[in-house]
Protein backbone atom coordinates (compact mmCIF):
# COMPACT_ATOMS: atom_id res chain seq x y z
CA MET A 1 118.61 96.26 115.48
CA THR A 2 118.12 93.56 112.83
CA VAL A 3 120.27 90.45 112.43
CA ALA A 4 121.35 91.79 109.00
CA SER A 5 122.49 95.09 110.54
CA SER A 6 124.39 93.27 113.28
CA ARG A 7 126.11 90.97 110.78
CA LEU A 8 127.03 93.82 108.40
CA GLY A 9 128.35 95.93 111.26
CA GLU A 10 130.50 93.10 112.61
CA MET A 11 131.93 92.42 109.13
CA LEU A 12 132.78 96.10 108.58
CA VAL A 13 134.53 96.31 111.96
CA LYS A 14 136.40 93.04 111.30
CA SER A 15 137.58 94.45 107.95
CA LYS A 16 138.71 97.63 109.79
CA LEU A 17 136.53 99.86 107.60
CA ILE A 18 134.88 101.31 110.71
CA SER A 19 135.64 101.27 114.44
CA ASP A 20 133.55 99.75 117.24
CA ASP A 21 132.69 103.27 118.40
CA GLN A 22 131.51 104.31 114.92
CA LEU A 23 129.36 101.17 114.68
CA LYS A 24 127.75 101.93 118.05
CA LYS A 25 126.93 105.51 116.97
CA ALA A 26 125.45 104.29 113.67
CA LEU A 27 123.34 101.63 115.44
CA THR A 28 122.11 104.25 117.95
CA GLN A 29 121.11 106.55 115.09
CA GLN A 30 119.43 103.61 113.32
CA SER A 31 117.38 102.69 116.41
CA SER A 32 116.21 106.28 116.91
CA GLY A 33 115.83 107.38 113.29
CA GLY A 34 115.25 104.17 111.34
CA GLY A 35 116.78 103.33 107.97
CA ARG A 36 119.45 100.77 107.09
CA LEU A 37 122.78 100.54 108.85
CA GLY A 38 124.63 101.33 105.62
CA SER A 39 122.70 104.56 105.00
CA ASN A 40 123.28 105.65 108.61
CA LEU A 41 127.03 105.05 108.25
CA VAL A 42 126.97 107.20 105.09
CA LYS A 43 124.97 109.97 106.83
CA LEU A 44 127.48 110.06 109.68
CA GLY A 45 130.31 110.34 107.15
CA TYR A 46 132.11 107.15 108.24
CA LEU A 47 131.83 105.48 104.82
CA SER A 48 130.74 106.37 101.30
CA GLU A 49 128.06 104.40 99.45
CA GLU A 50 130.80 103.21 97.06
CA ASP A 51 132.75 101.80 100.04
CA ILE A 52 129.74 99.79 101.21
CA THR A 53 128.81 98.59 97.70
CA SER A 54 132.39 97.49 96.99
CA PHE A 55 132.62 95.74 100.36
CA LEU A 56 129.35 93.82 99.91
CA SER A 57 130.32 92.86 96.36
CA LYS A 58 133.60 91.30 97.57
CA GLN A 59 132.05 89.77 100.69
CA TYR A 60 129.23 87.95 98.90
CA GLY A 61 130.95 87.38 95.56
CA VAL A 62 128.31 89.21 93.53
CA PRO A 63 128.92 91.92 90.91
CA SER A 64 128.29 95.57 91.76
CA ILE A 65 126.65 97.95 89.27
CA ASN A 66 126.03 101.68 88.88
CA LEU A 67 122.31 102.06 88.18
CA ALA A 68 122.79 105.65 86.96
CA HIS A 69 124.28 104.21 83.75
CA PHE A 70 121.80 101.36 83.39
CA GLU A 71 118.64 101.41 81.26
CA ILE A 72 115.89 99.12 82.58
CA ASP A 73 113.09 97.85 80.35
CA GLN A 74 109.59 98.50 81.70
CA SER A 75 108.60 94.86 81.05
CA VAL A 76 111.29 93.79 83.57
CA ILE A 77 110.08 96.34 86.15
CA LYS A 78 106.60 94.78 86.06
CA LEU A 79 108.02 91.47 87.34
CA VAL A 80 108.45 92.89 90.87
CA PRO A 81 105.61 94.89 92.53
CA ALA A 82 106.39 98.43 93.74
CA GLU A 83 105.66 97.60 97.40
CA ILE A 84 108.19 94.70 97.36
CA ALA A 85 110.82 96.91 95.69
CA GLN A 86 110.35 99.63 98.33
CA LYS A 87 110.10 97.21 101.27
CA HIS A 88 113.37 95.38 100.48
CA MET A 89 115.16 98.21 98.57
CA VAL A 90 115.54 96.12 95.39
CA ILE A 91 114.86 96.65 91.69
CA PRO A 92 114.81 94.12 88.82
CA ILE A 93 117.20 95.14 86.04
CA ASN A 94 117.27 92.27 83.53
CA ARG A 95 115.66 88.96 82.56
CA LYS A 96 117.16 86.01 80.69
CA GLY A 97 114.93 82.96 80.30
CA ASN A 98 113.65 82.02 83.75
CA VAL A 99 116.26 84.12 85.63
CA ILE A 100 115.84 87.77 86.67
CA THR A 101 118.77 89.88 87.79
CA VAL A 102 117.87 92.04 90.79
CA ALA A 103 119.91 94.97 92.13
CA MET A 104 119.90 94.90 95.94
CA ALA A 105 121.24 97.15 98.68
CA ASP A 106 121.77 94.01 100.77
CA PRO A 107 122.50 90.89 98.64
CA SER A 108 122.33 88.66 101.76
CA ASN A 109 118.61 89.43 102.25
CA ILE A 110 117.17 85.94 101.67
CA PHE A 111 113.66 87.13 102.59
CA ALA A 112 113.70 89.57 99.66
CA ILE A 113 114.98 86.87 97.30
CA ASP A 114 112.29 84.41 98.48
CA ASP A 115 109.53 87.05 98.09
CA ILE A 116 110.61 87.84 94.53
CA LYS A 117 110.90 84.13 93.62
CA PHE A 118 107.41 83.45 94.99
CA LEU A 119 105.71 86.43 93.32
CA SER A 120 107.46 86.29 89.94
CA GLY A 121 108.03 82.54 89.52
CA PHE A 122 111.60 83.24 88.35
CA LYS A 123 115.00 82.37 89.78
CA VAL A 124 116.76 85.39 91.26
CA GLU A 125 120.34 86.43 90.55
CA PRO A 126 121.39 89.29 92.89
CA VAL A 127 123.80 92.12 92.15
CA VAL A 128 124.70 94.87 94.60
CA ALA A 129 124.02 98.60 94.05
CA ALA A 130 124.11 101.76 96.18
CA GLU A 131 120.96 102.31 98.24
CA THR A 132 120.49 105.88 96.94
CA SER A 133 120.68 104.76 93.30
CA ILE A 134 118.15 101.95 93.97
CA ARG A 135 115.80 104.43 95.62
CA ASN A 136 116.14 106.82 92.66
CA ALA A 137 115.51 103.95 90.22
CA ILE A 138 112.38 102.93 92.16
CA ASN A 139 111.13 106.54 92.08
CA LYS A 140 111.81 106.72 88.34
CA HIS A 141 110.51 103.36 87.12
CA TYR A 142 107.64 102.78 89.54
CA ASP A 143 106.29 106.13 88.47
CA SER A 144 103.28 107.95 89.84
CA ALA A 145 101.19 107.10 86.79
CA GLY A 146 101.73 103.37 87.32
CA LEU A 147 100.91 103.62 91.00
CA VAL A 148 97.75 105.59 90.16
CA GLN A 149 96.62 102.69 87.99
CA ASP A 150 97.20 100.30 90.91
CA ILE A 151 95.17 102.56 93.18
CA MET A 152 92.40 102.89 90.61
CA ARG A 153 92.05 99.11 90.45
CA ASP A 154 90.94 99.31 94.10
CA PHE A 155 88.24 101.82 93.20
CA ASP A 156 84.78 100.41 92.60
CA ASP A 157 82.09 101.72 90.28
CA ARG A 158 80.87 104.42 92.64
CA GLU A 159 81.18 107.74 90.87
CA VAL A 160 82.31 110.91 92.64
CA SER A 161 80.61 113.64 90.64
CA THR A 162 82.57 116.70 89.59
CA VAL A 163 81.37 120.24 90.19
CA ASP A 164 78.57 121.11 87.83
CA GLU A 165 78.73 124.76 86.80
CA SER A 166 74.94 124.98 86.84
CA ASP A 167 74.49 124.13 90.53
CA GLU A 168 76.23 124.38 93.90
CA GLY A 169 78.25 121.22 93.26
CA PRO A 170 78.30 117.89 95.10
CA ASP A 171 76.60 117.46 98.42
CA VAL A 172 79.01 118.09 101.32
CA GLY A 173 78.07 114.77 102.95
CA ASP A 174 78.87 112.90 99.72
CA LEU A 175 82.20 114.68 99.45
CA GLN A 176 83.05 113.89 103.08
CA ARG A 177 82.38 110.19 102.46
CA ALA A 178 84.29 110.22 99.15
CA THR A 179 87.39 111.67 100.83
CA GLU A 180 87.45 108.71 103.22
CA ASP A 181 87.59 106.13 100.38
CA ALA A 182 90.87 104.22 100.61
CA PRO A 183 91.85 104.92 96.96
CA VAL A 184 91.40 108.70 97.40
CA VAL A 185 93.40 108.68 100.64
CA LYS A 186 96.13 106.57 98.98
CA LEU A 187 96.25 108.82 95.91
CA VAL A 188 96.59 112.07 97.93
CA ASN A 189 99.25 110.44 100.15
CA LEU A 190 101.06 109.33 96.99
CA ILE A 191 101.01 112.87 95.57
CA LEU A 192 102.48 114.29 98.80
CA SER A 193 105.13 111.57 99.26
CA ASP A 194 106.10 111.69 95.57
CA ALA A 195 106.70 115.45 95.87
CA ILE A 196 108.91 114.94 98.94
CA LYS A 197 110.93 112.15 97.29
CA LYS A 198 111.50 114.21 94.15
CA GLY A 199 112.58 117.30 96.11
CA ALA A 200 109.70 119.46 94.81
CA SER A 201 109.08 122.92 96.25
CA ASP A 202 105.42 123.15 95.17
CA ILE A 203 102.52 120.89 94.15
CA HIS A 204 99.88 122.23 91.74
CA ILE A 205 96.53 120.39 91.58
CA GLU A 206 94.65 121.91 88.63
CA PRO A 207 91.11 121.27 87.31
CA TYR A 208 90.22 122.13 83.69
CA GLU A 209 87.10 121.59 81.61
CA LYS A 210 88.07 118.16 80.27
CA SER A 211 91.22 117.30 82.19
CA PHE A 212 92.67 117.25 85.69
CA ARG A 213 96.41 117.37 86.29
CA VAL A 214 99.05 117.41 89.01
CA ARG A 215 102.33 119.26 88.47
CA LEU A 216 105.46 119.50 90.64
CA ARG A 217 107.89 122.40 90.71
CA ILE A 218 111.37 120.90 90.94
CA ASP A 219 114.40 123.22 90.97
CA GLY A 220 112.17 126.09 89.87
CA ILE A 221 110.62 124.34 86.82
CA LEU A 222 107.10 122.85 86.66
CA TYR A 223 106.72 119.24 85.45
CA ASP A 224 103.55 117.30 84.64
CA VAL A 225 103.54 114.17 86.83
CA MET A 226 100.00 112.85 86.92
CA GLN A 227 96.55 113.13 85.32
CA PRO A 228 94.10 111.55 87.76
CA PRO A 229 90.60 110.60 86.48
CA MET A 230 88.14 113.50 86.23
CA LYS A 231 85.66 111.66 88.45
CA LEU A 232 88.10 112.00 91.38
CA LYS A 233 88.54 115.77 90.98
CA ALA A 234 86.17 116.89 93.75
CA ALA A 235 87.20 114.08 96.12
CA ILE A 236 90.96 114.74 95.79
CA ILE A 237 90.59 118.50 96.28
CA SER A 238 88.26 117.97 99.25
CA ARG A 239 90.67 115.44 100.79
CA VAL A 240 93.49 118.03 100.68
CA LYS A 241 91.14 120.62 102.21
CA ILE A 242 90.16 118.28 105.04
CA MET A 243 93.83 117.49 105.74
CA SER A 244 94.58 121.23 105.94
CA GLN A 245 91.47 121.89 108.09
CA LEU A 246 89.70 124.02 105.49
CA ASP A 247 85.97 124.31 104.87
CA ILE A 248 85.01 121.83 102.12
CA ALA A 249 81.57 123.45 101.80
CA GLU A 250 83.15 126.80 100.80
CA ARG A 251 84.10 126.59 97.14
CA ARG A 252 83.58 130.23 96.11
CA LEU A 253 86.34 131.93 98.13
CA PRO A 254 90.11 131.37 98.38
CA GLN A 255 91.28 129.62 101.56
CA ASP A 256 94.68 129.09 103.21
CA GLY A 257 95.69 126.24 105.48
CA ARG A 258 98.54 124.00 106.57
CA ILE A 259 99.28 120.27 106.63
CA LYS A 260 101.99 118.70 108.78
CA ILE A 261 103.06 115.15 107.92
CA ARG A 262 105.79 112.83 109.15
CA MET A 263 107.82 110.85 106.62
CA GLY A 264 110.33 108.61 108.33
CA GLN A 265 111.99 110.87 110.86
CA LYS A 266 111.28 114.06 108.89
CA GLU A 267 108.42 116.41 109.71
CA ILE A 268 107.32 118.36 106.66
CA ASP A 269 104.89 121.27 106.54
CA PHE A 270 102.75 121.97 103.50
CA ARG A 271 101.37 125.49 103.13
CA VAL A 272 98.05 125.08 101.31
CA SER A 273 96.27 127.66 99.15
CA THR A 274 92.97 127.07 97.33
CA LEU A 275 91.63 129.32 94.57
CA PRO A 276 88.23 129.06 92.82
CA THR A 277 88.76 128.81 89.04
CA LEU A 278 86.33 128.36 86.16
CA PHE A 279 86.22 124.56 86.46
CA GLY A 280 86.76 124.01 90.18
CA GLU A 281 89.27 124.87 92.88
CA LYS A 282 92.98 124.95 92.08
CA VAL A 283 95.14 123.87 95.02
CA VAL A 284 98.80 124.80 95.45
CA LEU A 285 100.85 123.26 98.25
CA ARG A 286 104.24 124.76 99.18
CA LEU A 287 106.61 122.24 100.80
CA LEU A 288 108.45 123.54 103.83
CA ASP A 289 111.11 121.00 104.80
CA LYS A 290 113.22 122.37 107.63
CA SER A 291 115.88 119.69 107.05
CA ASN A 292 116.54 121.28 103.64
CA LEU A 293 116.80 124.82 105.04
CA GLN A 294 120.36 125.98 104.39
CA LEU A 295 121.38 128.38 107.18
CA ASP A 296 125.14 128.32 106.56
CA MET A 297 125.85 131.47 104.54
CA THR A 298 129.06 130.01 103.11
CA MET A 299 126.98 127.28 101.40
CA LEU A 300 124.44 129.58 99.71
CA GLY A 301 126.54 130.56 96.67
CA PHE A 302 128.15 133.85 97.71
CA GLU A 303 131.44 134.80 96.10
CA PRO A 304 134.02 135.57 98.86
CA GLN A 305 133.93 139.38 98.44
CA ALA A 306 130.10 139.48 98.32
CA LEU A 307 129.87 137.32 101.46
CA GLN A 308 132.31 139.60 103.25
CA ILE A 309 130.18 142.68 102.45
CA PHE A 310 126.95 140.90 103.46
CA GLU A 311 128.38 139.72 106.80
CA LYS A 312 129.87 143.14 107.54
CA SER A 313 126.48 144.81 106.85
CA ILE A 314 124.40 142.49 109.06
CA LEU A 315 126.92 142.83 111.92
CA LEU A 316 126.47 146.62 112.06
CA PRO A 317 124.51 147.69 115.18
CA TYR A 318 121.86 149.61 113.22
CA GLY A 319 120.72 150.40 109.70
CA MET A 320 118.72 148.58 107.05
CA VAL A 321 119.70 145.53 104.96
CA LEU A 322 117.35 144.80 102.04
CA VAL A 323 117.07 141.58 100.03
CA THR A 324 115.34 141.80 96.66
CA GLY A 325 114.22 139.38 93.97
CA PRO A 326 111.11 137.71 92.54
CA THR A 327 108.97 135.17 94.40
CA GLY A 328 110.83 131.88 94.86
CA SER A 329 114.33 133.37 94.50
CA GLY A 330 115.47 132.34 97.99
CA LYS A 331 115.05 135.69 99.79
CA THR A 332 113.63 134.04 102.92
CA THR A 333 116.56 131.59 103.06
CA SER A 334 119.05 134.49 102.87
CA LEU A 335 117.24 136.36 105.65
CA TYR A 336 116.97 133.25 107.84
CA SER A 337 120.69 132.54 107.34
CA ALA A 338 121.43 136.12 108.45
CA LEU A 339 119.19 135.69 111.53
CA HIS A 340 120.90 132.38 112.31
CA ARG A 341 124.27 134.17 112.21
CA LEU A 342 122.99 136.96 114.50
CA ASN A 343 120.98 134.78 116.91
CA THR A 344 122.73 134.91 120.29
CA THR A 345 121.60 135.07 123.90
CA GLU A 346 122.45 138.80 124.00
CA THR A 347 120.14 139.82 121.12
CA ASN A 348 116.37 140.24 121.00
CA ILE A 349 115.30 139.32 117.45
CA MET A 350 111.70 139.93 116.33
CA THR A 351 110.21 139.05 112.95
CA ALA A 352 106.96 139.97 111.21
CA GLU A 353 106.26 137.37 108.50
CA ASP A 354 103.46 136.49 106.12
CA PRO A 355 103.56 133.56 106.39
CA VAL A 356 106.05 132.22 108.96
CA GLU A 357 107.77 129.55 106.87
CA PHE A 358 110.09 127.97 109.45
CA ASN A 359 110.29 128.16 113.22
CA LEU A 360 113.67 129.47 114.39
CA GLN A 361 114.64 128.66 117.98
CA GLY A 362 115.39 131.84 119.95
CA VAL A 363 113.67 134.19 117.47
CA ASN A 364 110.32 135.84 118.27
CA GLN A 365 108.28 135.27 115.11
CA VAL A 366 104.89 136.90 114.48
CA GLN A 367 102.42 135.69 111.83
CA MET A 368 100.59 138.53 110.03
CA LYS A 369 96.77 138.46 110.15
CA PRO A 370 95.49 141.35 107.99
CA GLU A 371 91.84 140.32 108.55
CA ILE A 372 92.11 141.45 112.19
CA GLY A 373 94.36 144.43 111.48
CA LEU A 374 97.72 142.78 112.23
CA ASN A 375 99.82 143.88 109.23
CA PHE A 376 103.51 144.68 108.83
CA ALA A 377 103.11 148.33 109.88
CA THR A 378 101.08 147.44 113.02
CA ALA A 379 103.56 144.71 114.00
CA LEU A 380 106.53 147.06 113.49
CA ARG A 381 105.00 149.69 115.79
CA SER A 382 104.49 147.04 118.49
CA PHE A 383 108.02 145.70 118.02
CA LEU A 384 109.50 149.10 118.87
CA ARG A 385 107.86 148.82 122.31
CA GLN A 386 109.36 145.34 122.85
CA ASP A 387 113.02 146.40 123.28
CA PRO A 388 114.29 144.79 120.03
CA ASP A 389 117.88 144.69 118.80
CA ILE A 390 117.13 143.20 115.38
CA ILE A 391 113.87 143.40 113.43
CA MET A 392 112.99 141.38 110.35
CA VAL A 393 110.01 142.52 108.25
CA GLY A 394 108.81 139.95 105.71
CA GLU A 395 108.25 142.54 102.97
CA ILE A 396 108.10 146.31 102.55
CA ARG A 397 104.94 146.69 100.48
CA ASP A 398 103.83 150.28 101.15
CA TYR A 399 104.94 153.71 102.37
CA GLU A 400 103.69 153.15 105.93
CA THR A 401 105.81 150.00 106.42
CA ALA A 402 108.83 151.61 104.72
CA GLU A 403 108.58 154.73 106.90
CA ILE A 404 108.47 152.78 110.20
CA ALA A 405 111.26 150.40 109.09
CA ILE A 406 113.52 153.33 108.19
CA LYS A 407 112.79 155.13 111.47
CA ALA A 408 113.65 151.90 113.34
CA ALA A 409 116.90 151.60 111.37
CA MET A 410 117.83 155.19 112.27
CA THR A 411 117.10 154.80 115.99
CA GLY A 412 119.56 152.05 116.87
CA HIS A 413 117.99 148.90 115.40
CA LEU A 414 119.19 146.58 112.66
CA VAL A 415 116.31 146.05 110.21
CA LEU A 416 116.22 143.23 107.63
CA SER A 417 113.53 143.15 104.95
CA THR A 418 112.67 142.29 101.34
CA LEU A 419 111.30 144.11 98.30
CA HIS A 420 110.32 143.03 94.81
CA THR A 421 112.69 144.73 92.35
CA ASN A 422 114.74 143.49 89.39
CA ASP A 423 118.17 144.35 90.75
CA ALA A 424 119.89 146.01 93.70
CA PRO A 425 120.24 149.61 92.37
CA SER A 426 116.56 149.89 91.33
CA THR A 427 115.56 149.17 94.96
CA ILE A 428 116.53 152.74 95.85
CA SER A 429 114.23 154.14 93.13
CA ARG A 430 111.45 151.85 94.39
CA LEU A 431 111.69 153.24 97.94
CA ILE A 432 111.73 156.83 96.67
CA ASN A 433 108.71 156.10 94.42
CA MET A 434 106.87 154.81 97.52
CA GLY A 435 107.24 158.30 98.97
CA VAL A 436 110.32 157.89 101.18
CA GLU A 437 112.57 160.96 101.14
CA PRO A 438 115.99 160.38 99.45
CA PHE A 439 117.87 161.61 102.55
CA LEU A 440 116.11 158.94 104.67
CA VAL A 441 117.00 156.18 102.17
CA SER A 442 120.60 157.41 102.08
CA ALA A 443 120.95 157.66 105.86
CA SER A 444 119.29 154.35 106.78
CA THR A 445 120.40 151.78 104.18
CA ASN A 446 123.55 149.70 104.80
CA MET A 447 123.36 147.26 101.90
CA ILE A 448 121.07 145.89 99.19
CA LEU A 449 121.27 142.26 98.04
CA ALA A 450 119.59 141.11 94.80
CA GLN A 451 119.40 137.40 94.10
CA ARG A 452 118.18 134.65 91.75
CA LEU A 453 118.25 130.86 91.93
CA CYS A 454 119.72 128.92 89.03
CA ARG A 455 119.84 125.14 88.56
CA LYS A 456 123.11 123.28 89.11
CA ILE A 457 124.50 120.74 86.66
CA CYS A 458 123.91 117.18 87.86
CA ASN A 459 127.25 115.77 89.05
CA SER A 460 126.28 112.21 88.07
CA CYS A 461 125.98 112.96 84.34
CA LYS A 462 128.15 116.09 83.99
CA GLU A 463 130.08 116.22 80.72
CA GLU A 464 132.27 118.72 78.89
CA ILE A 465 130.71 120.40 75.86
CA SER A 466 131.92 122.63 73.05
CA VAL A 467 130.30 126.09 72.86
CA PRO A 468 130.86 128.49 69.93
CA ARG A 469 133.15 131.36 70.92
CA GLN A 470 130.63 133.97 69.75
CA ALA A 471 127.93 132.48 72.00
CA LEU A 472 130.26 132.87 74.99
CA VAL A 473 131.03 136.48 74.03
CA ASP A 474 127.28 137.20 73.64
CA THR A 475 126.71 135.79 77.13
CA GLY A 476 129.23 138.26 78.60
CA PHE A 477 132.68 136.63 78.50
CA THR A 478 135.63 138.51 76.97
CA PRO A 479 136.93 137.21 73.60
CA GLU A 480 140.20 136.17 75.30
CA GLU A 481 138.38 134.25 78.04
CA ALA A 482 136.04 132.64 75.50
CA LYS A 483 139.02 130.99 73.80
CA ALA A 484 140.08 129.02 76.86
CA LEU A 485 136.78 128.53 78.73
CA VAL A 486 135.61 124.96 79.39
CA CYS A 487 131.82 124.56 79.62
CA TYR A 488 129.75 121.67 80.97
CA GLN A 489 126.22 120.31 80.83
CA GLY A 490 124.31 117.36 82.28
CA LYS A 491 123.33 114.81 79.65
CA GLY A 492 120.45 113.51 81.82
CA CYS A 493 120.40 110.44 84.06
CA MET A 494 118.37 108.62 86.69
CA GLU A 495 119.72 110.82 89.50
CA CYS A 496 118.33 114.03 87.94
CA ASN A 497 115.18 112.61 86.29
CA ASP A 498 116.84 113.09 82.87
CA THR A 499 116.88 116.91 83.23
CA GLY A 500 120.67 117.34 83.45
CA TYR A 501 120.20 119.51 86.55
CA ARG A 502 120.05 118.67 90.22
CA GLY A 503 119.67 121.25 92.99
CA ARG A 504 120.02 125.02 92.81
CA ILE A 505 122.58 127.66 93.69
CA ALA A 506 122.02 131.37 94.29
CA LEU A 507 123.39 134.22 92.17
CA TYR A 508 124.01 137.40 94.16
CA GLU A 509 124.37 141.11 93.41
CA VAL A 510 125.61 142.88 96.57
CA LEU A 511 125.44 146.69 96.62
CA ALA A 512 127.13 148.27 99.65
CA ILE A 513 125.79 151.80 100.26
CA THR A 514 129.12 153.64 100.35
CA ASP A 515 129.59 157.39 100.83
CA ASP A 516 129.68 158.12 97.08
CA ILE A 517 126.45 156.15 96.57
CA LYS A 518 124.83 158.03 99.50
CA ASP A 519 125.75 161.32 97.77
CA ALA A 520 124.33 160.05 94.46
CA ILE A 521 121.02 159.13 96.17
CA LEU A 522 120.80 162.62 97.72
CA GLN A 523 121.35 164.14 94.27
CA GLY A 524 118.54 162.05 92.76
CA ALA A 525 120.77 159.81 90.63
CA ALA A 526 119.08 157.24 88.36
CA ALA A 527 119.38 153.50 89.03
CA SER A 528 121.83 153.16 86.09
CA GLU A 529 124.19 155.73 87.66
CA ILE A 530 124.03 153.98 91.03
CA LYS A 531 124.78 150.68 89.27
CA GLU A 532 127.90 152.14 87.65
CA LEU A 533 129.10 153.50 91.01
CA GLY A 534 128.46 150.08 92.58
CA ARG A 535 130.48 148.32 89.85
CA LYS A 536 133.37 150.77 90.38
CA ASN A 537 133.28 149.75 94.04
CA GLY A 538 133.51 146.05 93.10
CA MET A 539 129.83 145.05 92.83
CA ARG A 540 129.20 142.05 90.58
CA THR A 541 125.88 142.10 88.73
CA LEU A 542 123.57 139.08 88.71
CA ARG A 543 124.74 138.20 85.18
CA GLU A 544 128.41 138.46 86.26
CA SER A 545 127.66 136.22 89.23
CA GLY A 546 126.12 133.73 86.78
CA LEU A 547 129.23 133.89 84.55
CA GLN A 548 131.37 133.02 87.58
CA LYS A 549 129.20 129.94 88.25
CA ILE A 550 129.74 128.90 84.58
CA ARG A 551 133.52 129.32 85.03
CA GLU A 552 133.34 127.08 88.09
CA GLY A 553 131.43 124.44 86.12
CA MET A 554 128.37 124.71 88.36
CA THR A 555 125.73 125.76 85.83
CA THR A 556 125.11 126.22 82.10
CA ILE A 557 124.85 129.21 79.77
CA PRO A 558 121.11 128.65 78.98
CA GLU A 559 120.31 128.47 82.71
CA THR A 560 122.22 131.67 83.48
CA MET A 561 120.51 133.44 80.54
CA ARG A 562 117.11 132.22 81.81
CA VAL A 563 117.39 133.75 85.27
CA THR A 564 119.40 136.94 84.58
CA SER A 565 119.17 139.89 82.23
CA GLN A 566 122.21 141.26 80.39
CA SER A 567 123.83 143.86 82.60
């Protein structure tokens, strides 16, 4: 515990903003998990960041500011090095003559003020700002490109040659030595930490003939974040391969690996995939952050009626529940949330996954290894000899897997799985096209859930907008509703990296397999007929789910149109 933490804690207790017991709990969490006392009080829900900012402002007689509404000139940013800003959680925001104004999470930190005075040669005038907004401002203004330049200044004139198409590429020994260079290590660490800070789901490292770029997928959209020098191409890719325990000498075949890193108190897994392309190996890293895994079904985006049907279906003792949607639509999260709901001491849950994305305590998870013959069908057969109550199959890809899953569902087991189809009703056609008899589909299936992920409007810069009535009608609203509907958008701010969106919410289409739908399946009904029956029974389509999120002010019309088709 630091002197600053002790002093702040005592002042908060004295002002009756927190109790002695709350302070003790926050200090215990700080000693075990790190971070500042203020951020730990916020995490525990005892205070808001605004409470702390307002308190510090009054206590030390300094103004408080909201950095989300503050534009900072890049020439001012350069006055304080990135490492000092991150170390002391400060950011310079203005300069007048020989005085710089610095936003601080703790305006009593004289060490930070002395460091800035010494390095910049200016007098320092502190203002107080929320720690989260300072961190976001640091991430925005001390951008990756600027940090790359700092790293490159450490790099000497030694060249790391890129892969020459006419030969076998750089010598493995040279590559091994290049990956140990401090600048290369720093740059790869920066790429990984930058992705974590920005909440990315994937990192793409891509070599081209005359360029080399790094992109991050944030809230489902890819953004260019960095263009490292071409001469570092082979060294950066090899460094990632070494970290994920892959063979750096093998550049002709795809490889898969894993990296586990610790950032603060968080352990984050990166699933690594390399692919030989025309101008070198492309590397994609999928971030698997268990702390961001949402297992509470009520928080996923279900409308009340859809959630009721989903819960009722997974609580049945046997039958099949299918989740469908494209890659990256949150199917795994929905299945894991269902398993979390069902995971009790009395149940034996077994999963066959490719790959296992998160470890779930109390669930027997099996990683598929097709190269040695362990595929979904083989695993399913073995599961049936392991006295299971609930079986989760990562994906039904072929007739063999579908057949065993359906037999399991009809012999007293609850089976959860995924397929790739555009909506819930077409899943039935997909199973029949695989070769499964209609009567088996009808008898075994409890429910089908189709889903998409759409971006949420950033709450920090959310504003009301006017939308032409015809545009609302074209989206799917009735003319009467279009007259009164209030729509919103994010204008773009520091919190959302100027995108107007922050985070994602799921859209759901829940099709319960009722008796009339079972009869329609047996009679060979088309997907469109099954859809109409589902809607008569109260099913909301993906587009209708999106319209509801617009009504609630959670997303925008363009975003809903992007992820759903008119239906």
